[in-house]
Amino acid sequence: MPHHHTTPHTSNTITKHLLVSGHVQGVGYRWSMVQAAARLGVQGWVRNRHDGRVEACAWGRPDAVQALIDWAQQGPASARVDAVVVGNVPDGGEPPQGFTQRETA
């Protein structure tokens, strides 16, 4: 019988999905998040949604992703964040390159 190692896939990265509600469109929120993510070394994307929320996906080391979530709960000075709903994202293989703004969904 072939011997299979059942070692879990141990990568030091996590992926989180964020839905941010409040006054977060038209206030530089996405641009600021791109800057914050770059500073923290987090990869992923951010976009506006037609329902007025901002949606983002963050990939990186757990402490860096948590720092971006902490940032998201404040946002830039001109934003008013009411809530950030954080969800887990199944590991989708390769992370995106950098942190980008996507088209409104």
PDB file of N, CA and C in Angstrom:
ATOM      1  N   MET A   1       0.848  -1.190   0.000  1.00  0.00           N
ATOM      2  CA  MET A   1       0.000   0.000   0.000  1.00  0.00           C
ATOM      3  C   MET A   1       0.891   1.251   0.000  1.00  0.00           C
ATOM      4  N   PRO A   2       0.589   2.181  -0.890  1.00  0.00           N
ATOM      5  CA  PRO A   2       1.385   3.421  -0.901  1.00  0.00           C
ATOM      6  C   PRO A   2       1.161   4.204   0.389  1.00  0.00           C
ATOM      7  N   HIS A   3       2.217   4.787   0.887  1.00  0.00           N
ATOM      8  CA  HIS A   3       2.129   5.515   2.142  1.00  0.00           C
ATOM      9  C   HIS A   3       1.838   6.990   1.861  1.00  0.00           C
ATOM     10  N   HIS A   4       0.699   7.476   2.319  1.00  0.00           N
ATOM     11  CA  HIS A   4       0.321   8.871   2.085  1.00  0.00           C
ATOM     12  C   HIS A   4       0.502   9.686   3.358  1.00  0.00           C
ATOM     13  N   HIS A   5       1.193  10.786   3.221  1.00  0.00           N
ATOM     14  CA  HIS A   5       1.311  11.711   4.342  1.00  0.00           C
ATOM     15  C   HIS A   5       0.091  12.635   4.349  1.00  0.00           C
ATOM     16  N   THR A   6      -0.543  12.744   5.490  1.00  0.00           N
ATOM     17  CA  THR A   6      -1.703  13.623   5.579  1.00  0.00           C
ATOM     18  C   THR A   6      -1.322  14.904   6.307  1.00  0.00           C
ATOM     19  N   THR A   7      -0.264  15.539   5.841  1.00  0.00           N
ATOM     20  CA  THR A   7       0.116  16.808   6.456  1.00  0.00           C
ATOM     21  C   THR A   7      -0.777  17.910   5.904  1.00  0.00           C
ATOM     22  N   PRO A   8      -1.382  18.670   6.785  1.00  0.00           N
ATOM     23  CA  PRO A   8      -2.248  19.757   6.312  1.00  0.00           C
ATOM     24  C   PRO A   8      -1.438  20.799   5.555  1.00  0.00           C
ATOM     25  N   HIS A   9      -2.111  21.492   4.669  1.00  0.00           N
ATOM     26  CA  HIS A   9      -1.472  22.555   3.891  1.00  0.00           C
ATOM     27  C   HIS A   9      -1.175  23.718   4.845  1.00  0.00           C
ATOM     28  N   THR A  10       0.079  23.840   5.246  1.00  0.00           N
ATOM     29  CA  THR A  10       0.418  24.856   6.236  1.00  0.00           C
ATOM     30  C   THR A  10       1.032  26.070   5.563  1.00  0.00           C
ATOM     31  N   SER A  11       0.167  26.988   5.186  1.00  0.00           N
ATOM     32  CA  SER A  11       0.667  28.265   4.693  1.00  0.00           C
ATOM     33  C   SER A  11       0.375  29.296   5.773  1.00  0.00           C
ATOM     34  N   ASN A  12       1.228  30.274   5.862  1.00  0.00           N
ATOM     35  CA  ASN A  12       1.055  31.280   6.915  1.00  0.00           C
ATOM     36  C   ASN A  12       0.172  32.430   6.451  1.00  0.00           C
ATOM     37  N   THR A  13      -0.769  32.111   5.594  1.00  0.00           N
ATOM     38  CA  THR A  13      -1.640  33.173   5.091  1.00  0.00           C
ATOM     39  C   THR A  13      -3.101  32.798   5.293  1.00  0.00           C
ATOM     40  N   ILE A  14      -3.924  33.816   5.433  1.00  0.00           N
ATOM     41  CA  ILE A  14      -5.368  33.632   5.535  1.00  0.00           C
ATOM     42  C   ILE A  14      -6.039  34.564   4.522  1.00  0.00           C
ATOM     43  N   THR A  15      -7.269  34.248   4.199  1.00  0.00           N
ATOM     44  CA  THR A  15      -8.055  35.105   3.306  1.00  0.00           C
ATOM     45  C   THR A  15      -9.347  35.474   4.010  1.00  0.00           C
ATOM     46  N   LYS A  16      -9.648  36.770   4.023  1.00  0.00           N
ATOM     47  CA  LYS A  16     -10.888  37.233   4.650  1.00  0.00           C
ATOM     48  C   LYS A  16     -11.686  38.066   3.662  1.00  0.00           C
ATOM     49  N   HIS A  17     -12.998  37.917   3.749  1.00  0.00           N
ATOM     50  CA  HIS A  17     -13.914  38.684   2.926  1.00  0.00           C
ATOM     51  C   HIS A  17     -14.539  39.754   3.805  1.00  0.00           C
ATOM     52  N   LEU A  18     -14.565  40.999   3.326  1.00  0.00           N
ATOM     53  CA  LEU A  18     -15.092  42.114   4.109  1.00  0.00           C
ATOM     54  C   LEU A  18     -16.247  42.775   3.375  1.00  0.00           C
ATOM     55  N   LEU A  19     -17.308  43.069   4.117  1.00  0.00           N
ATOM     56  CA  LEU A  19     -18.404  43.896   3.607  1.00  0.00           C
ATOM     57  C   LEU A  19     -18.532  45.089   4.548  1.00  0.00           C
ATOM     58  N   VAL A  20     -18.269  46.267   4.019  1.00  0.00           N
ATOM     59  CA  VAL A  20     -18.230  47.472   4.841  1.00  0.00           C
ATOM     60  C   VAL A  20     -19.454  48.328   4.529  1.00  0.00           C
ATOM     61  N   SER A  21     -20.212  48.659   5.571  1.00  0.00           N
ATOM     62  CA  SER A  21     -21.380  49.517   5.366  1.00  0.00           C
ATOM     63  C   SER A  21     -21.192  50.817   6.122  1.00  0.00           C
ATOM     64  N   GLY A  22     -21.908  51.834   5.661  1.00  0.00           N
ATOM     65  CA  GLY A  22     -21.780  53.177   6.219  1.00  0.00           C
ATOM     66  C   GLY A  22     -21.633  54.167   5.078  1.00  0.00           C
ATOM     67  N   HIS A  23     -21.038  55.308   5.372  1.00  0.00           N
ATOM     68  CA  HIS A  23     -20.786  56.304   4.330  1.00  0.00           C
ATOM     69  C   HIS A  23     -19.386  56.039   3.798  1.00  0.00           C
ATOM     70  N   VAL A  24     -19.293  55.063   2.858  1.00  0.00           N
ATOM     71  CA  VAL A  24     -17.982  54.566   2.447  1.00  0.00           C
ATOM     72  C   VAL A  24     -17.752  54.639   0.937  1.00  0.00           C
ATOM     73  N   GLN A  25     -18.683  55.279   0.229  1.00  0.00           N
ATOM     74  CA  GLN A  25     -18.475  55.465  -1.205  1.00  0.00           C
ATOM     75  C   GLN A  25     -18.320  56.951  -1.501  1.00  0.00           C
ATOM     76  N   GLY A  26     -17.399  57.261  -2.409  1.00  0.00           N
ATOM     77  CA  GLY A  26     -17.171  58.648  -2.781  1.00  0.00           C
ATOM     78  C   GLY A  26     -16.372  59.429  -1.754  1.00  0.00           C
ATOM     79  N   VAL A  27     -15.697  58.731  -0.852  1.00  0.00           N
ATOM     80  CA  VAL A  27     -14.928  59.406   0.205  1.00  0.00           C
ATOM     81  C   VAL A  27     -13.467  58.942   0.192  1.00  0.00           C
ATOM     82  N   GLY A  28     -13.052  58.310  -0.926  1.00  0.00           N
ATOM     83  CA  GLY A  28     -11.671  57.844  -1.015  1.00  0.00           C
ATOM     84  C   GLY A  28     -11.410  56.570  -0.238  1.00  0.00           C
ATOM     85  N   TYR A  29     -12.471  55.863   0.104  1.00  0.00           N
ATOM     86  CA  TYR A  29     -12.320  54.666   0.938  1.00  0.00           C
ATOM     87  C   TYR A  29     -11.498  53.590   0.219  1.00  0.00           C
ATOM     88  N   ARG A  30     -11.879  53.304  -1.020  1.00  0.00           N
ATOM     89  CA  ARG A  30     -11.177  52.244  -1.746  1.00  0.00           C
ATOM     90  C   ARG A  30      -9.707  52.606  -1.946  1.00  0.00           C
ATOM     91  N   TRP A  31      -9.460  53.828  -2.369  1.00  0.00           N
ATOM     92  CA  TRP A  31      -8.078  54.262  -2.603  1.00  0.00           C
ATOM     93  C   TRP A  31      -7.274  54.156  -1.310  1.00  0.00           C
ATOM     94  N   SER A  32      -7.887  54.581  -0.214  1.00  0.00           N
ATOM     95  CA  SER A  32      -7.198  54.524   1.079  1.00  0.00           C
ATOM     96  C   SER A  32      -6.926  53.086   1.498  1.00  0.00           C
ATOM     97  N   MET A  33      -7.874  52.185   1.198  1.00  0.00           N
ATOM     98  CA  MET A  33      -7.670  50.785   1.557  1.00  0.00           C
ATOM     99  C   MET A  33      -6.527  50.186   0.746  1.00  0.00           C
ATOM    100  N   VAL A  34      -6.439  50.558  -0.523  1.00  0.00           N
ATOM    101  CA  VAL A  34      -5.328  50.093  -1.354  1.00  0.00           C
ATOM    102  C   VAL A  34      -4.001  50.537  -0.739  1.00  0.00           C
ATOM    103  N   GLN A  35      -3.948  51.792  -0.295  1.00  0.00           N
ATOM    104  CA  GLN A  35      -2.737  52.309   0.345  1.00  0.00           C
ATOM    105  C   GLN A  35      -2.426  51.559   1.635  1.00  0.00           C
ATOM    106  N   ALA A  36      -3.454  51.336   2.445  1.00  0.00           N
ATOM    107  CA  ALA A  36      -3.258  50.637   3.721  1.00  0.00           C
ATOM    108  C   ALA A  36      -2.791  49.208   3.492  1.00  0.00           C
ATOM    109  N   ALA A  37      -3.400  48.546   2.505  1.00  0.00           N
ATOM    110  CA  ALA A  37      -3.029  47.164   2.209  1.00  0.00           C
ATOM    111  C   ALA A  37      -1.579  47.084   1.735  1.00  0.00           C
ATOM    112  N   ALA A  38      -1.181  48.039   0.900  1.00  0.00           N
ATOM    113  CA  ALA A  38       0.191  48.048   0.408  1.00  0.00           C
ATOM    114  C   ALA A  38       1.173  48.240   1.566  1.00  0.00           C
ATOM    115  N   ARG A  39       0.794  49.118   2.483  1.00  0.00           N
ATOM    116  CA  ARG A  39       1.643  49.394   3.640  1.00  0.00           C
ATOM    117  C   ARG A  39       1.784  48.143   4.509  1.00  0.00           C
ATOM    118  N   LEU A  40       0.709  47.370   4.608  1.00  0.00           N
ATOM    119  CA  LEU A  40       0.698  46.194   5.482  1.00  0.00           C
ATOM    120  C   LEU A  40       1.189  44.930   4.782  1.00  0.00           C
ATOM    121  N   GLY A  41       1.345  45.005   3.473  1.00  0.00           N
ATOM    122  CA  GLY A  41       1.752  43.820   2.732  1.00  0.00           C
ATOM    123  C   GLY A  41       0.624  42.839   2.509  1.00  0.00           C
ATOM    124  N   VAL A  42      -0.601  43.366   2.415  1.00  0.00           N
ATOM    125  CA  VAL A  42      -1.779  42.528   2.189  1.00  0.00           C
ATOM    126  C   VAL A  42      -2.147  42.599   0.714  1.00  0.00           C
ATOM    127  N   GLN A  43      -2.509  41.454   0.145  1.00  0.00           N
ATOM    128  CA  GLN A  43      -2.948  41.421  -1.243  1.00  0.00           C
ATOM    129  C   GLN A  43      -4.447  41.185  -1.298  1.00  0.00           C
ATOM    130  N   GLY A  44      -5.051  41.489  -2.446  1.00  0.00           N
ATOM    131  CA  GLY A  44      -6.482  41.283  -2.593  1.00  0.00           C
ATOM    132  C   GLY A  44      -7.103  42.326  -3.491  1.00  0.00           C
ATOM    133  N   TRP A  45      -8.364  42.669  -3.207  1.00  0.00           N
ATOM    134  CA  TRP A  45      -9.068  43.656  -4.027  1.00  0.00           C
ATOM    135  C   TRP A  45     -10.160  44.334  -3.216  1.00  0.00           C
ATOM    136  N   VAL A  46     -10.643  45.447  -3.746  1.00  0.00           N
ATOM    137  CA  VAL A  46     -11.732  46.186  -3.109  1.00  0.00           C
ATOM    138  C   VAL A  46     -12.600  46.776  -4.209  1.00  0.00           C
ATOM    139  N   ARG A  47     -13.910  46.848  -3.966  1.00  0.00           N
ATOM    140  CA  ARG A  47     -14.814  47.435  -4.959  1.00  0.00           C
ATOM    141  C   ARG A  47     -16.048  47.990  -4.278  1.00  0.00           C
ATOM    142  N   ASN A  48     -16.672  48.940  -4.959  1.00  0.00           N
ATOM    143  CA  ASN A  48     -17.978  49.434  -4.519  1.00  0.00           C
ATOM    144  C   ASN A  48     -19.051  48.451  -4.949  1.00  0.00           C
ATOM    145  N   ARG A  49     -20.138  48.445  -4.196  1.00  0.00           N
ATOM    146  CA  ARG A  49     -21.319  47.673  -4.584  1.00  0.00           C
ATOM    147  C   ARG A  49     -22.475  48.628  -4.800  1.00  0.00           C
ATOM    148  N   HIS A  50     -23.405  48.200  -5.649  1.00  0.00           N
ATOM    149  CA  HIS A  50     -24.542  49.060  -5.960  1.00  0.00           C
ATOM    150  C   HIS A  50     -25.442  49.292  -4.758  1.00  0.00           C
ATOM    151  N   ASP A  51     -25.316  48.456  -3.718  1.00  0.00           N
ATOM    152  CA  ASP A  51     -26.155  48.644  -2.532  1.00  0.00           C
ATOM    153  C   ASP A  51     -25.537  49.662  -1.564  1.00  0.00           C
ATOM    154  N   GLY A  52     -24.426  50.289  -1.991  1.00  0.00           N
ATOM    155  CA  GLY A  52     -23.832  51.331  -1.161  1.00  0.00           C
ATOM    156  C   GLY A  52     -22.715  50.854  -0.258  1.00  0.00           C
ATOM    157  N   ARG A  53     -22.515  49.542  -0.247  1.00  0.00           N
ATOM    158  CA  ARG A  53     -21.441  49.017   0.589  1.00  0.00           C
ATOM    159  C   ARG A  53     -20.139  48.905  -0.204  1.00  0.00           C
ATOM    160  N   VAL A  54     -19.055  48.691   0.510  1.00  0.00           N
ATOM    161  CA  VAL A  54     -17.776  48.395  -0.104  1.00  0.00           C
ATOM    162  C   VAL A  54     -17.432  46.952   0.230  1.00  0.00           C
ATOM    163  N   GLU A  55     -17.014  46.204  -0.780  1.00  0.00           N
ATOM    164  CA  GLU A  55     -16.665  44.800  -0.604  1.00  0.00           C
ATOM    165  C   GLU A  55     -15.172  44.642  -0.844  1.00  0.00           C
ATOM    166  N   ALA A  56     -14.527  43.828  -0.041  1.00  0.00           N
ATOM    167  CA  ALA A  56     -13.094  43.623  -0.212  1.00  0.00           C
ATOM    168  C   ALA A  56     -12.723  42.194   0.125  1.00  0.00           C
ATOM    169  N   CYS A  57     -11.607  41.756  -0.420  1.00  0.00           N
ATOM    170  CA  CYS A  57     -11.040  40.460  -0.095  1.00  0.00           C
ATOM    171  C   CYS A  57      -9.574  40.700   0.222  1.00  0.00           C
ATOM    172  N   ALA A  58      -9.129  40.208   1.369  1.00  0.00           N
ATOM    173  CA  ALA A  58      -7.764  40.468   1.829  1.00  0.00           C
ATOM    174  C   ALA A  58      -7.036  39.151   2.047  1.00  0.00           C
ATOM    175  N   TRP A  59      -5.831  39.044   1.506  1.00  0.00           N
ATOM    176  CA  TRP A  59      -5.026  37.831   1.588  1.00  0.00           C
ATOM    177  C   TRP A  59      -3.662  38.190   2.139  1.00  0.00           C
ATOM    178  N   GLY A  60      -3.217  37.482   3.168  1.00  0.00           N
ATOM    179  CA  GLY A  60      -1.900  37.775   3.704  1.00  0.00           C
ATOM    180  C   GLY A  60      -1.679  37.076   5.036  1.00  0.00           C
ATOM    181  N   ARG A  61      -0.632  37.490   5.745  1.00  0.00           N
ATOM    182  CA  ARG A  61      -0.364  36.934   7.067  1.00  0.00           C
ATOM    183  C   ARG A  61      -1.506  37.320   8.004  1.00  0.00           C
ATOM    184  N   PRO A  62      -1.861  36.448   8.948  1.00  0.00           N
ATOM    185  CA  PRO A  62      -2.997  36.734   9.838  1.00  0.00           C
ATOM    186  C   PRO A  62      -2.896  38.089  10.532  1.00  0.00           C
ATOM    187  N   ASP A  63      -1.702  38.462  11.001  1.00  0.00           N
ATOM    188  CA  ASP A  63      -1.590  39.740  11.710  1.00  0.00           C
ATOM    189  C   ASP A  63      -1.784  40.912  10.764  1.00  0.00           C
ATOM    190  N   ALA A  64      -1.317  40.769   9.530  1.00  0.00           N
ATOM    191  CA  ALA A  64      -1.466  41.853   8.556  1.00  0.00           C
ATOM    192  C   ALA A  64      -2.914  42.002   8.122  1.00  0.00           C
ATOM    193  N   VAL A  65      -3.574  40.859   7.883  1.00  0.00           N
ATOM    194  CA  VAL A  65      -4.987  40.896   7.493  1.00  0.00           C
ATOM    195  C   VAL A  65      -5.823  41.495   8.623  1.00  0.00           C
ATOM    196  N   GLN A  66      -5.522  41.107   9.861  1.00  0.00           N
ATOM    197  CA  GLN A  66      -6.256  41.666  11.002  1.00  0.00           C
ATOM    198  C   GLN A  66      -6.035  43.168  11.105  1.00  0.00           C
ATOM    199  N   ALA A  67      -4.805  43.606  10.814  1.00  0.00           N
ATOM    200  CA  ALA A  67      -4.522  45.041  10.859  1.00  0.00           C
ATOM    201  C   ALA A  67      -5.325  45.791   9.804  1.00  0.00           C
ATOM    202  N   LEU A  68      -5.506  45.167   8.631  1.00  0.00           N
ATOM    203  CA  LEU A  68      -6.305  45.814   7.584  1.00  0.00           C
ATOM    204  C   LEU A  68      -7.778  45.849   7.989  1.00  0.00           C
ATOM    205  N   ILE A  69      -8.249  44.783   8.647  1.00  0.00           N
ATOM    206  CA  ILE A  69      -9.636  44.768   9.140  1.00  0.00           C
ATOM    207  C   ILE A  69      -9.817  45.876  10.180  1.00  0.00           C
ATOM    208  N   ASP A  70      -8.823  46.015  11.063  1.00  0.00           N
ATOM    209  CA  ASP A  70      -8.890  47.097  12.050  1.00  0.00           C
ATOM    210  C   ASP A  70      -8.954  48.448  11.354  1.00  0.00           C
ATOM    211  N   TRP A  71      -8.143  48.597  10.298  1.00  0.00           N
ATOM    212  CA  TRP A  71      -8.169  49.847   9.537  1.00  0.00           C
ATOM    213  C   TRP A  71      -9.542  50.062   8.903  1.00  0.00           C
ATOM    214  N   ALA A  72     -10.101  48.970   8.355  1.00  0.00           N
ATOM    215  CA  ALA A  72     -11.383  49.064   7.643  1.00  0.00           C
ATOM    216  C   ALA A  72     -12.499  49.562   8.555  1.00  0.00           C
ATOM    217  N   GLN A  73     -12.383  49.260   9.855  1.00  0.00           N
ATOM    218  CA  GLN A  73     -13.420  49.674  10.799  1.00  0.00           C
ATOM    219  C   GLN A  73     -13.362  51.178  11.074  1.00  0.00           C
ATOM    220  N   GLN A  74     -12.255  51.817  10.676  1.00  0.00           N
ATOM    221  CA  GLN A  74     -12.144  53.268  10.781  1.00  0.00           C
ATOM    222  C   GLN A  74     -12.285  53.920   9.407  1.00  0.00           C
ATOM    223  N   GLY A  75     -11.484  53.413   8.461  1.00  0.00           N
ATOM    224  CA  GLY A  75     -11.498  53.989   7.129  1.00  0.00           C
ATOM    225  C   GLY A  75     -10.788  55.331   7.119  1.00  0.00           C
ATOM    226  N   PRO A  76     -10.813  56.014   5.980  1.00  0.00           N
ATOM    227  CA  PRO A  76     -10.216  57.346   5.907  1.00  0.00           C
ATOM    228  C   PRO A  76     -11.034  58.350   6.711  1.00  0.00           C
ATOM    229  N   ALA A  77     -10.454  59.517   6.936  1.00  0.00           N
ATOM    230  CA  ALA A  77     -11.088  60.515   7.804  1.00  0.00           C
ATOM    231  C   ALA A  77     -12.487  60.908   7.335  1.00  0.00           C
ATOM    232  N   SER A  78     -12.694  60.925   6.019  1.00  0.00           N
ATOM    233  CA  SER A  78     -13.979  61.402   5.489  1.00  0.00           C
ATOM    234  C   SER A  78     -15.061  60.335   5.479  1.00  0.00           C
ATOM    235  N   ALA A  79     -14.697  59.096   5.815  1.00  0.00           N
ATOM    236  CA  ALA A  79     -15.675  58.008   5.796  1.00  0.00           C
ATOM    237  C   ALA A  79     -16.345  57.859   7.152  1.00  0.00           C
ATOM    238  N   ARG A  80     -17.526  57.256   7.141  1.00  0.00           N
ATOM    239  CA  ARG A  80     -18.181  56.859   8.389  1.00  0.00           C
ATOM    240  C   ARG A  80     -18.536  55.381   8.253  1.00  0.00           C
ATOM    241  N   VAL A  81     -17.833  54.561   8.998  1.00  0.00           N
ATOM    242  CA  VAL A  81     -18.054  53.116   8.910  1.00  0.00           C
ATOM    243  C   VAL A  81     -19.038  52.699   9.992  1.00  0.00           C
ATOM    244  N   ASP A  82     -20.143  52.086   9.559  1.00  0.00           N
ATOM    245  CA  ASP A  82     -21.137  51.599  10.524  1.00  0.00           C
ATOM    246  C   ASP A  82     -20.850  50.158  10.941  1.00  0.00           C
ATOM    247  N   ALA A  83     -20.432  49.348   9.994  1.00  0.00           N
ATOM    248  CA  ALA A  83     -20.207  47.941  10.297  1.00  0.00           C
ATOM    249  C   ALA A  83     -19.251  47.333   9.282  1.00  0.00           C
ATOM    250  N   VAL A  84     -18.465  46.384   9.755  1.00  0.00           N
ATOM    251  CA  VAL A  84     -17.628  45.574   8.877  1.00  0.00           C
ATOM    252  C   VAL A  84     -17.962  44.117   9.161  1.00  0.00           C
ATOM    253  N   VAL A  85     -18.531  43.443   8.167  1.00  0.00           N
ATOM    254  CA  VAL A  85     -18.852  42.031   8.308  1.00  0.00           C
ATOM    255  C   VAL A  85     -17.700  41.244   7.702  1.00  0.00           C
ATOM    256  N   VAL A  86     -17.038  40.435   8.533  1.00  0.00           N
ATOM    257  CA  VAL A  86     -15.874  39.687   8.086  1.00  0.00           C
ATOM    258  C   VAL A  86     -16.238  38.222   7.939  1.00  0.00           C
ATOM    259  N   GLY A  87     -15.935  37.664   6.782  1.00  0.00           N
ATOM    260  CA  GLY A  87     -16.194  36.253   6.542  1.00  0.00           C
ATOM    261  C   GLY A  87     -14.937  35.544   6.107  1.00  0.00           C
ATOM    262  N   ASN A  88     -14.934  34.234   6.278  1.00  0.00           N
ATOM    263  CA  ASN A  88     -13.802  33.442   5.809  1.00  0.00           C
ATOM    264  C   ASN A  88     -13.989  33.107   4.337  1.00  0.00           C
ATOM    265  N   VAL A  89     -12.889  33.050   3.635  1.00  0.00           N
ATOM    266  CA  VAL A  89     -12.912  32.685   2.224  1.00  0.00           C
ATOM    267  C   VAL A  89     -12.105  31.403   2.075  1.00  0.00           C
ATOM    268  N   PRO A  90     -12.661  30.392   1.408  1.00  0.00           N
ATOM    269  CA  PRO A  90     -11.858  29.184   1.200  1.00  0.00           C
ATOM    270  C   PRO A  90     -10.611  29.527   0.401  1.00  0.00           C
ATOM    271  N   ASP A  91      -9.514  28.869   0.697  1.00  0.00           N
ATOM    272  CA  ASP A  91      -8.269  29.152   0.018  1.00  0.00           C
ATOM    273  C   ASP A  91      -8.423  28.884  -1.469  1.00  0.00           C
ATOM    274  N   GLY A  92      -8.339  29.944  -2.251  1.00  0.00           N
ATOM    275  CA  GLY A  92      -8.533  29.811  -3.690  1.00  0.00           C
ATOM    276  C   GLY A  92      -7.240  29.687  -4.456  1.00  0.00           C
ATOM    277  N   GLY A  93      -6.237  29.058  -3.854  1.00  0.00           N
ATOM    278  CA  GLY A  93      -4.993  28.852  -4.566  1.00  0.00           C
ATOM    279  C   GLY A  93      -4.129  30.094  -4.563  1.00  0.00           C
ATOM    280  N   GLU A  94      -3.707  30.509  -5.752  1.00  0.00           N
ATOM    281  CA  GLU A  94      -2.780  31.624  -5.852  1.00  0.00           C
ATOM    282  C   GLU A  94      -3.432  32.932  -5.428  1.00  0.00           C
ATOM    283  N   PRO A  95      -2.727  33.729  -4.654  1.00  0.00           N
ATOM    284  CA  PRO A  95      -3.260  35.032  -4.276  1.00  0.00           C
ATOM    285  C   PRO A  95      -3.177  36.002  -5.448  1.00  0.00           C
ATOM    286  N   PRO A  96      -3.974  37.048  -5.410  1.00  0.00           N
ATOM    287  CA  PRO A  96      -3.848  38.068  -6.440  1.00  0.00           C
ATOM    288  C   PRO A  96      -2.511  38.783  -6.302  1.00  0.00           C
ATOM    289  N   GLN A  97      -2.077  39.407  -7.358  1.00  0.00           N
ATOM    290  CA  GLN A  97      -0.855  40.194  -7.311  1.00  0.00           C
ATOM    291  C   GLN A  97      -1.204  41.607  -6.869  1.00  0.00           C
ATOM    292  N   GLY A  98      -0.681  42.013  -5.727  1.00  0.00           N
ATOM    293  CA  GLY A  98      -0.967  43.360  -5.252  1.00  0.00           C
ATOM    294  C   GLY A  98      -2.376  43.479  -4.706  1.00  0.00           C
ATOM    295  N   PHE A  99      -2.829  44.711  -4.565  1.00  0.00           N
ATOM    296  CA  PHE A  99      -4.170  44.986  -4.048  1.00  0.00           C
ATOM    297  C   PHE A  99      -4.818  45.964  -5.015  1.00  0.00           C
ATOM    298  N   THR A 100      -5.910  45.571  -5.623  1.00  0.00           N
ATOM    299  CA  THR A 100      -6.462  46.345  -6.738  1.00  0.00           C
ATOM    300  C   THR A 100      -7.900  46.778  -6.481  1.00  0.00           C
ATOM    301  N   GLN A 101      -8.307  47.815  -7.184  1.00  0.00           N
ATOM    302  CA  GLN A 101      -9.703  48.226  -7.181  1.00  0.00           C
ATOM    303  C   GLN A 101     -10.393  47.536  -8.345  1.00  0.00           C
ATOM    304  N   ARG A 102     -11.567  46.989  -8.074  1.00  0.00           N
ATOM    305  CA  ARG A 102     -12.341  46.314  -9.116  1.00  0.00           C
ATOM    306  C   ARG A 102     -13.543  47.166  -9.490  1.00  0.00           C
ATOM    307  N   GLU A 103     -14.162  46.782 -10.615  1.00  0.00           N
ATOM    308  CA  GLU A 103     -15.372  47.467 -11.063  1.00  0.00           C
ATOM    309  C   GLU A 103     -16.491  47.264 -10.042  1.00  0.00           C
ATOM    310  N   THR A 104     -17.388  48.217  -9.977  1.00  0.00           N
ATOM    311  CA  THR A 104     -18.549  48.128  -9.097  1.00  0.00           C
ATOM    312  C   THR A 104     -19.370  46.904  -9.426  1.00  0.00           C
ATOM    313  N   ALA A 105     -19.817  46.206  -8.391  1.00  0.00           N
ATOM    314  CA  ALA A 105     -20.614  44.992  -8.594  1.00  0.00           C
ATOM    315  C   ALA A 105     -22.023  45.196  -8.077  1.00  0.00           C
TER     316      ALA A 105
END
